[in-house]
Amino acid sequence: MDDVECAVAAAQYPEGGLMLGLGLGIVLAVLTTDFLVVVAPFVLGTIGFVVGRRVRDRKVRTLRKRDNHAE
């Protein structure tokens, strides 16, 4: 990993997205129906993780592009 990847990895976007998705899934299940208690945390956790990975990848590309223009 280079310096840019290390800095972005330290922010833990995928892990944060996973936790946010799990939390939203649990809240959604509690507020609606018992069936969602099983499904919603997994689905929203997966979605949160995927979104977090995309945010991380975009951040890496943005920082690398900025560093290349600075040279």
Protein backbone atom coordinates (compact mmCIF):
# COMPACT_ATOMS: atom_id res chain seq x y z
CA MET A 1 0.00 0.00 0.00
CA ASP A 2 1.21 3.47 -0.79
CA ASP A 3 0.65 6.54 1.41
CA VAL A 4 -2.67 7.43 -0.25
CA GLU A 5 -4.10 3.93 0.23
CA CYS A 6 -2.92 3.85 3.85
CA ALA A 7 -4.56 7.19 4.62
CA VAL A 8 -7.87 6.17 3.05
CA ALA A 9 -7.80 2.68 4.59
CA ALA A 10 -7.38 4.26 8.01
CA ALA A 11 -10.77 5.95 7.57
CA GLN A 12 -12.40 2.49 7.33
CA TYR A 13 -15.18 3.45 4.91
CA PRO A 14 -16.31 -0.15 4.17
CA GLU A 15 -16.39 -1.08 7.84
CA GLY A 16 -18.28 2.08 8.73
CA GLY A 17 -20.77 1.43 5.93
CA LEU A 18 -21.25 -2.11 7.19
CA MET A 19 -21.97 -0.93 10.72
CA LEU A 20 -24.33 1.79 9.51
CA GLY A 21 -26.18 -0.70 7.32
CA LEU A 22 -26.51 -3.22 10.14
CA GLY A 23 -27.80 -0.54 12.49
CA LEU A 24 -30.33 0.73 9.97
CA GLY A 25 -31.43 -2.84 9.28
CA ILE A 26 -32.05 -3.51 12.96
CA VAL A 27 -33.94 -0.23 13.42
CA LEU A 28 -36.03 -0.92 10.31
CA ALA A 29 -36.85 -4.41 11.56
CA VAL A 30 -37.82 -3.20 15.02
CA LEU A 31 -40.09 -0.51 13.58
CA THR A 32 -41.82 -2.76 11.06
CA THR A 33 -42.16 -6.55 11.05
CA ASP A 34 -40.44 -9.51 12.71
CA PHE A 35 -39.52 -11.05 9.34
CA LEU A 36 -37.15 -8.17 8.66
CA VAL A 37 -35.19 -8.94 11.84
CA VAL A 38 -33.55 -11.79 9.93
CA VAL A 39 -33.27 -10.19 6.49
CA ALA A 40 -32.81 -6.43 6.86
CA PRO A 41 -29.50 -6.34 8.80
CA PHE A 42 -27.83 -8.67 6.28
CA VAL A 43 -29.16 -6.87 3.22
CA LEU A 44 -28.51 -3.34 4.48
CA GLY A 45 -25.15 -4.36 5.97
CA THR A 46 -24.06 -5.74 2.60
CA ILE A 47 -25.27 -2.62 0.81
CA GLY A 48 -23.46 -0.42 3.33
CA PHE A 49 -20.23 -2.38 2.88
CA VAL A 50 -20.41 -2.12 -0.92
CA VAL A 51 -21.12 1.60 -0.77
CA GLY A 52 -18.22 2.04 1.67
CA ARG A 53 -15.85 0.24 -0.71
CA ARG A 54 -16.94 2.48 -3.57
CA VAL A 55 -16.44 5.59 -1.43
CA ARG A 56 -12.98 4.33 -0.47
CA ASP A 57 -12.05 3.63 -4.10
CA ARG A 58 -13.30 7.04 -5.22
CA LYS A 59 -11.36 8.73 -2.42
CA VAL A 60 -8.15 6.91 -3.45
CA ARG A 61 -8.63 7.94 -7.10
CA THR A 62 -9.32 11.55 -6.10
CA LEU A 63 -6.26 11.79 -3.87
CA ARG A 64 -4.00 10.17 -6.46
CA LYS A 65 -5.29 12.51 -9.16
CA ARG A 66 -4.67 15.49 -6.87
CA ASP A 67 -1.14 14.26 -6.07
CA ASN A 68 -0.37 13.79 -9.76
CA HIS A 69 -1.45 17.35 -10.55
CA ALA A 70 0.66 18.72 -7.69
CA GLU A 71 3.88 17.33 -9.23
